Amino acid sequence: MSQFSERLTALRKQKGISQAAAAKELNVALRGLQNYEYGDTEPRLSILIRMADFYGVSIDYLAGRTDTP
């Protein structure tokens, strides 16, 4: 599992929401979100920006480039 997928999963769990709820909020398919969390695929930049905004963290944090959210 990549650092991106680990952080994405951890942020969702910290927010206390299901994968289905997160997918709806992020306007992505549930299977797409699952693929991101399992490390099977990586999101496009536009989706990555929505994720960072939704979870209140930087893109660098999601990508594992910094440990500061």
PDB file of N, CA and C in Angstrom:
ATOM      1  N   MET A   1       0.852  -1.176   0.000  1.00  0.00           N
ATOM      2  CA  MET A   1       0.000   0.000   0.000  1.00  0.00           C
ATOM      3  C   MET A   1       0.902   1.244   0.000  1.00  0.00           C
ATOM      4  N   SER A   2       0.591   2.188  -0.834  1.00  0.00           N
ATOM      5  CA  SER A   2       1.398   3.402  -0.925  1.00  0.00           C
ATOM      6  C   SER A   2       1.050   4.365   0.204  1.00  0.00           C
ATOM      7  N   GLN A   3       1.927   5.307   0.415  1.00  0.00           N
ATOM      8  CA  GLN A   3       1.674   6.299   1.452  1.00  0.00           C
ATOM      9  C   GLN A   3       0.410   7.100   1.122  1.00  0.00           C
ATOM     10  N   PHE A   4       0.189   7.366  -0.173  1.00  0.00           N
ATOM     11  CA  PHE A   4      -1.022   8.071  -0.585  1.00  0.00           C
ATOM     12  C   PHE A   4      -2.265   7.297  -0.157  1.00  0.00           C
ATOM     13  N   SER A   5      -2.321   6.028  -0.491  1.00  0.00           N
ATOM     14  CA  SER A   5      -3.514   5.243  -0.173  1.00  0.00           C
ATOM     15  C   SER A   5      -3.700   5.098   1.339  1.00  0.00           C
ATOM     16  N   GLU A   6      -2.599   4.951   2.072  1.00  0.00           N
ATOM     17  CA  GLU A   6      -2.694   4.861   3.530  1.00  0.00           C
ATOM     18  C   GLU A   6      -3.239   6.149   4.128  1.00  0.00           C
ATOM     19  N   ARG A   7      -2.747   7.268   3.653  1.00  0.00           N
ATOM     20  CA  ARG A   7      -3.214   8.554   4.191  1.00  0.00           C
ATOM     21  C   ARG A   7      -4.653   8.828   3.805  1.00  0.00           C
ATOM     22  N   LEU A   8      -5.018   8.485   2.580  1.00  0.00           N
ATOM     23  CA  LEU A   8      -6.394   8.697   2.137  1.00  0.00           C
ATOM     24  C   LEU A   8      -7.358   7.895   3.001  1.00  0.00           C
ATOM     25  N   THR A   9      -7.016   6.651   3.261  1.00  0.00           N
ATOM     26  CA  THR A   9      -7.854   5.793   4.093  1.00  0.00           C
ATOM     27  C   THR A   9      -7.921   6.329   5.526  1.00  0.00           C
ATOM     28  N   ALA A  10      -6.775   6.721   6.072  1.00  0.00           N
ATOM     29  CA  ALA A  10      -6.734   7.231   7.446  1.00  0.00           C
ATOM     30  C   ALA A  10      -7.558   8.507   7.589  1.00  0.00           C
ATOM     31  N   LEU A  11      -7.463   9.403   6.620  1.00  0.00           N
ATOM     32  CA  LEU A  11      -8.230  10.656   6.676  1.00  0.00           C
ATOM     33  C   LEU A  11      -9.728  10.385   6.637  1.00  0.00           C
ATOM     34  N   ARG A  12     -10.133   9.446   5.807  1.00  0.00           N
ATOM     35  CA  ARG A  12     -11.562   9.108   5.734  1.00  0.00           C
ATOM     36  C   ARG A  12     -12.040   8.535   7.064  1.00  0.00           C
ATOM     37  N   LYS A  13     -11.244   7.653   7.644  1.00  0.00           N
ATOM     38  CA  LYS A  13     -11.628   7.049   8.920  1.00  0.00           C
ATOM     39  C   LYS A  13     -11.640   8.083  10.045  1.00  0.00           C
ATOM     40  N   GLN A  14     -10.689   9.022  10.026  1.00  0.00           N
ATOM     41  CA  GLN A  14     -10.669  10.086  11.034  1.00  0.00           C
ATOM     42  C   GLN A  14     -11.926  10.934  10.945  1.00  0.00           C
ATOM     43  N   LYS A  15     -12.419  11.112   9.731  1.00  0.00           N
ATOM     44  CA  LYS A  15     -13.636  11.891   9.516  1.00  0.00           C
ATOM     45  C   LYS A  15     -14.876  11.094   9.903  1.00  0.00           C
ATOM     46  N   GLY A  16     -14.705   9.765  10.065  1.00  0.00           N
ATOM     47  CA  GLY A  16     -15.801   8.911  10.506  1.00  0.00           C
ATOM     48  C   GLY A  16     -16.857   8.669   9.446  1.00  0.00           C
ATOM     49  N   ILE A  17     -16.433   8.584   8.183  1.00  0.00           N
ATOM     50  CA  ILE A  17     -17.397   8.352   7.119  1.00  0.00           C
ATOM     51  C   ILE A  17     -17.040   7.087   6.339  1.00  0.00           C
ATOM     52  N   SER A  18     -18.035   6.528   5.699  1.00  0.00           N
ATOM     53  CA  SER A  18     -17.842   5.309   4.909  1.00  0.00           C
ATOM     54  C   SER A  18     -17.216   5.651   3.559  1.00  0.00           C
ATOM     55  N   GLN A  19     -16.755   4.618   2.879  1.00  0.00           N
ATOM     56  CA  GLN A  19     -16.235   4.825   1.539  1.00  0.00           C
ATOM     57  C   GLN A  19     -17.327   5.378   0.623  1.00  0.00           C
ATOM     58  N   ALA A  20     -18.534   4.883   0.775  1.00  0.00           N
ATOM     59  CA  ALA A  20     -19.643   5.348  -0.070  1.00  0.00           C
ATOM     60  C   ALA A  20     -19.919   6.833   0.158  1.00  0.00           C
ATOM     61  N   ALA A  21     -19.911   7.257   1.417  1.00  0.00           N
ATOM     62  CA  ALA A  21     -20.158   8.668   1.718  1.00  0.00           C
ATOM     63  C   ALA A  21     -19.029   9.543   1.190  1.00  0.00           C
ATOM     64  N   ALA A  22     -17.791   9.089   1.333  1.00  0.00           N
ATOM     65  CA  ALA A  22     -16.648   9.856   0.831  1.00  0.00           C
ATOM     66  C   ALA A  22     -16.705   9.959  -0.689  1.00  0.00           C
ATOM     67  N   ALA A  23     -17.032   8.867  -1.348  1.00  0.00           N
ATOM     68  CA  ALA A  23     -17.127   8.874  -2.807  1.00  0.00           C
ATOM     69  C   ALA A  23     -18.186   9.866  -3.273  1.00  0.00           C
ATOM     70  N   LYS A  24     -19.316   9.889  -2.584  1.00  0.00           N
ATOM     71  CA  LYS A  24     -20.387  10.823  -2.938  1.00  0.00           C
ATOM     72  C   LYS A  24     -19.932  12.267  -2.753  1.00  0.00           C
ATOM     73  N   GLU A  25     -19.290  12.559  -1.632  1.00  0.00           N
ATOM     74  CA  GLU A  25     -18.813  13.919  -1.360  1.00  0.00           C
ATOM     75  C   GLU A  25     -17.750  14.363  -2.362  1.00  0.00           C
ATOM     76  N   LEU A  26     -16.920  13.427  -2.791  1.00  0.00           N
ATOM     77  CA  LEU A  26     -15.834  13.739  -3.719  1.00  0.00           C
ATOM     78  C   LEU A  26     -16.265  13.663  -5.180  1.00  0.00           C
ATOM     79  N   ASN A  27     -17.506  13.219  -5.391  1.00  0.00           N
ATOM     80  CA  ASN A  27     -18.064  13.092  -6.745  1.00  0.00           C
ATOM     81  C   ASN A  27     -17.240  12.120  -7.602  1.00  0.00           C
ATOM     82  N   VAL A  28     -16.925  10.973  -6.992  1.00  0.00           N
ATOM     83  CA  VAL A  28     -16.231   9.901  -7.713  1.00  0.00           C
ATOM     84  C   VAL A  28     -17.010   8.606  -7.498  1.00  0.00           C
ATOM     85  N   ALA A  29     -16.803   7.654  -8.375  1.00  0.00           N
ATOM     86  CA  ALA A  29     -17.448   6.353  -8.222  1.00  0.00           C
ATOM     87  C   ALA A  29     -16.882   5.644  -6.997  1.00  0.00           C
ATOM     88  N   LEU A  30     -17.724   4.880  -6.323  1.00  0.00           N
ATOM     89  CA  LEU A  30     -17.283   4.133  -5.151  1.00  0.00           C
ATOM     90  C   LEU A  30     -16.109   3.235  -5.505  1.00  0.00           C
ATOM     91  N   ARG A  31     -16.201   2.532  -6.622  1.00  0.00           N
ATOM     92  CA  ARG A  31     -15.112   1.628  -7.014  1.00  0.00           C
ATOM     93  C   ARG A  31     -13.829   2.411  -7.272  1.00  0.00           C
ATOM     94  N   GLY A  32     -13.955   3.616  -7.798  1.00  0.00           N
ATOM     95  CA  GLY A  32     -12.783   4.459  -8.020  1.00  0.00           C
ATOM     96  C   GLY A  32     -12.110   4.812  -6.709  1.00  0.00           C
ATOM     97  N   LEU A  33     -12.900   5.212  -5.722  1.00  0.00           N
ATOM     98  CA  LEU A  33     -12.344   5.550  -4.413  1.00  0.00           C
ATOM     99  C   LEU A  33     -11.692   4.322  -3.785  1.00  0.00           C
ATOM    100  N   GLN A  34     -12.337   3.186  -3.915  1.00  0.00           N
ATOM    101  CA  GLN A  34     -11.758   1.954  -3.380  1.00  0.00           C
ATOM    102  C   GLN A  34     -10.411   1.664  -4.041  1.00  0.00           C
ATOM    103  N   ASN A  35     -10.327   1.860  -5.332  1.00  0.00           N
ATOM    104  CA  ASN A  35      -9.063   1.650  -6.041  1.00  0.00           C
ATOM    105  C   ASN A  35      -7.978   2.596  -5.530  1.00  0.00           C
ATOM    106  N   TYR A  36      -8.332   3.836  -5.217  1.00  0.00           N
ATOM    107  CA  TYR A  36      -7.358   4.783  -4.663  1.00  0.00           C
ATOM    108  C   TYR A  36      -6.896   4.324  -3.280  1.00  0.00           C
ATOM    109  N   GLU A  37      -7.858   3.920  -2.447  1.00  0.00           N
ATOM    110  CA  GLU A  37      -7.520   3.505  -1.080  1.00  0.00           C
ATOM    111  C   GLU A  37      -6.728   2.194  -1.054  1.00  0.00           C
ATOM    112  N   TYR A  38      -6.955   1.314  -1.992  1.00  0.00           N
ATOM    113  CA  TYR A  38      -6.233   0.043  -2.036  1.00  0.00           C
ATOM    114  C   TYR A  38      -4.904   0.159  -2.774  1.00  0.00           C
ATOM    115  N   GLY A  39      -4.649   1.322  -3.358  1.00  0.00           N
ATOM    116  CA  GLY A  39      -3.393   1.537  -4.054  1.00  0.00           C
ATOM    117  C   GLY A  39      -3.348   0.961  -5.453  1.00  0.00           C
ATOM    118  N   ASP A  40      -4.512   0.624  -6.009  1.00  0.00           N
ATOM    119  CA  ASP A  40      -4.562   0.046  -7.350  1.00  0.00           C
ATOM    120  C   ASP A  40      -4.404   1.099  -8.440  1.00  0.00           C
ATOM    121  N   THR A  41      -4.930   2.299  -8.197  1.00  0.00           N
ATOM    122  CA  THR A  41      -4.822   3.397  -9.160  1.00  0.00           C
ATOM    123  C   THR A  41      -4.579   4.694  -8.409  1.00  0.00           C
ATOM    124  N   GLU A  42      -4.210   5.723  -9.145  1.00  0.00           N
ATOM    125  CA  GLU A  42      -4.011   7.061  -8.577  1.00  0.00           C
ATOM    126  C   GLU A  42      -4.972   8.027  -9.254  1.00  0.00           C
ATOM    127  N   PRO A  43      -5.455   9.013  -8.505  1.00  0.00           N
ATOM    128  CA  PRO A  43      -6.451   9.929  -9.070  1.00  0.00           C
ATOM    129  C   PRO A  43      -5.834  10.972 -10.003  1.00  0.00           C
ATOM    130  N   ARG A  44      -6.675  11.502 -10.861  1.00  0.00           N
ATOM    131  CA  ARG A  44      -6.289  12.656 -11.675  1.00  0.00           C
ATOM    132  C   ARG A  44      -6.082  13.855 -10.747  1.00  0.00           C
ATOM    133  N   LEU A  45      -5.400  14.853 -11.253  1.00  0.00           N
ATOM    134  CA  LEU A  45      -5.097  16.042 -10.456  1.00  0.00           C
ATOM    135  C   LEU A  45      -6.361  16.715  -9.944  1.00  0.00           C
ATOM    136  N   SER A  46      -7.387  16.819 -10.761  1.00  0.00           N
ATOM    137  CA  SER A  46      -8.618  17.492 -10.333  1.00  0.00           C
ATOM    138  C   SER A  46      -9.258  16.776  -9.146  1.00  0.00           C
ATOM    139  N   ILE A  47      -9.195  15.454  -9.134  1.00  0.00           N
ATOM    140  CA  ILE A  47      -9.753  14.683  -8.015  1.00  0.00           C
ATOM    141  C   ILE A  47      -8.853  14.817  -6.790  1.00  0.00           C
ATOM    142  N   LEU A  48      -7.560  14.816  -7.001  1.00  0.00           N
ATOM    143  CA  LEU A  48      -6.611  14.981  -5.906  1.00  0.00           C
ATOM    144  C   LEU A  48      -6.837  16.322  -5.202  1.00  0.00           C
ATOM    145  N   ILE A  49      -7.093  17.361  -5.966  1.00  0.00           N
ATOM    146  CA  ILE A  49      -7.371  18.681  -5.387  1.00  0.00           C
ATOM    147  C   ILE A  49      -8.652  18.634  -4.563  1.00  0.00           C
ATOM    148  N   ARG A  50      -9.694  17.992  -5.078  1.00  0.00           N
ATOM    149  CA  ARG A  50     -10.950  17.866  -4.314  1.00  0.00           C
ATOM    150  C   ARG A  50     -10.722  17.110  -3.019  1.00  0.00           C
ATOM    151  N   MET A  51      -9.905  16.051  -3.070  1.00  0.00           N
ATOM    152  CA  MET A  51      -9.614  15.271  -1.866  1.00  0.00           C
ATOM    153  C   MET A  51      -8.903  16.123  -0.824  1.00  0.00           C
ATOM    154  N   ALA A  52      -7.893  16.855  -1.250  1.00  0.00           N
ATOM    155  CA  ALA A  52      -7.146  17.706  -0.324  1.00  0.00           C
ATOM    156  C   ALA A  52      -8.070  18.745   0.302  1.00  0.00           C
ATOM    157  N   ASP A  53      -8.920  19.359  -0.495  1.00  0.00           N
ATOM    158  CA  ASP A  53      -9.862  20.362   0.026  1.00  0.00           C
ATOM    159  C   ASP A  53     -10.862  19.729   0.987  1.00  0.00           C
ATOM    160  N   PHE A  54     -11.395  18.577   0.621  1.00  0.00           N
ATOM    161  CA  PHE A  54     -12.400  17.902   1.442  1.00  0.00           C
ATOM    162  C   PHE A  54     -11.847  17.502   2.801  1.00  0.00           C
ATOM    163  N   TYR A  55     -10.620  16.995   2.821  1.00  0.00           N
ATOM    164  CA  TYR A  55     -10.019  16.547   4.075  1.00  0.00           C
ATOM    165  C   TYR A  55      -9.228  17.639   4.788  1.00  0.00           C
ATOM    166  N   GLY A  56      -9.087  18.801   4.160  1.00  0.00           N
ATOM    167  CA  GLY A  56      -8.406  19.916   4.808  1.00  0.00           C
ATOM    168  C   GLY A  56      -6.911  19.711   4.953  1.00  0.00           C
ATOM    169  N   VAL A  57      -6.307  19.072   3.958  1.00  0.00           N
ATOM    170  CA  VAL A  57      -4.862  18.828   3.972  1.00  0.00           C
ATOM    171  C   VAL A  57      -4.271  19.311   2.649  1.00  0.00           C
ATOM    172  N   SER A  58      -2.955  19.333   2.590  1.00  0.00           N
ATOM    173  CA  SER A  58      -2.298  19.736   1.346  1.00  0.00           C
ATOM    174  C   SER A  58      -2.138  18.530   0.417  1.00  0.00           C
ATOM    175  N   ILE A  59      -1.968  18.820  -0.847  1.00  0.00           N
ATOM    176  CA  ILE A  59      -1.689  17.761  -1.819  1.00  0.00           C
ATOM    177  C   ILE A  59      -0.359  17.096  -1.474  1.00  0.00           C
ATOM    178  N   ASP A  60       0.605  17.888  -1.025  1.00  0.00           N
ATOM    179  CA  ASP A  60       1.897  17.321  -0.634  1.00  0.00           C
ATOM    180  C   ASP A  60       1.736  16.312   0.500  1.00  0.00           C
ATOM    181  N   TYR A  61       0.842  16.587   1.433  1.00  0.00           N
ATOM    182  CA  TYR A  61       0.600  15.634   2.522  1.00  0.00           C
ATOM    183  C   TYR A  61       0.010  14.337   1.968  1.00  0.00           C
ATOM    184  N   LEU A  62      -0.993  14.455   1.116  1.00  0.00           N
ATOM    185  CA  LEU A  62      -1.597  13.259   0.531  1.00  0.00           C
ATOM    186  C   LEU A  62      -0.570  12.441  -0.245  1.00  0.00           C
ATOM    187  N   ALA A  63       0.305  13.128  -0.949  1.00  0.00           N
ATOM    188  CA  ALA A  63       1.305  12.445  -1.785  1.00  0.00           C
ATOM    189  C   ALA A  63       2.479  11.899  -0.989  1.00  0.00           C
ATOM    190  N   GLY A  64       2.552  12.238   0.306  1.00  0.00           N
ATOM    191  CA  GLY A  64       3.644  11.742   1.126  1.00  0.00           C
ATOM    192  C   GLY A  64       4.909  12.573   1.053  1.00  0.00           C
ATOM    193  N   ARG A  65       4.793  13.779   0.510  1.00  0.00           N
ATOM    194  CA  ARG A  65       5.974  14.648   0.382  1.00  0.00           C
ATOM    195  C   ARG A  65       6.262  15.429   1.648  1.00  0.00           C
ATOM    196  N   THR A  66       5.282  15.490   2.551  1.00  0.00           N
ATOM    197  CA  THR A  66       5.451  16.166   3.833  1.00  0.00           C
ATOM    198  C   THR A  66       4.613  15.451   4.872  1.00  0.00           C
ATOM    199  N   ASP A  67       4.992  15.580   6.126  1.00  0.00           N
ATOM    200  CA  ASP A  67       4.194  15.002   7.196  1.00  0.00           C
ATOM    201  C   ASP A  67       3.285  16.027   7.858  1.00  0.00           C
ATOM    202  N   THR A  68       3.290  17.245   7.336  1.00  0.00           N
ATOM    203  CA  THR A  68       2.443  18.322   7.854  1.00  0.00           C
ATOM    204  C   THR A  68       1.167  18.386   7.016  1.00  0.00           C
ATOM    205  N   PRO A  69       0.038  18.076   7.632  1.00  0.00           N
ATOM    206  CA  PRO A  69      -1.220  18.093   6.865  1.00  0.00           C
ATOM    207  C   PRO A  69      -1.520  19.462   6.297  1.00  0.00           C
TER     208      PRO A  69
END
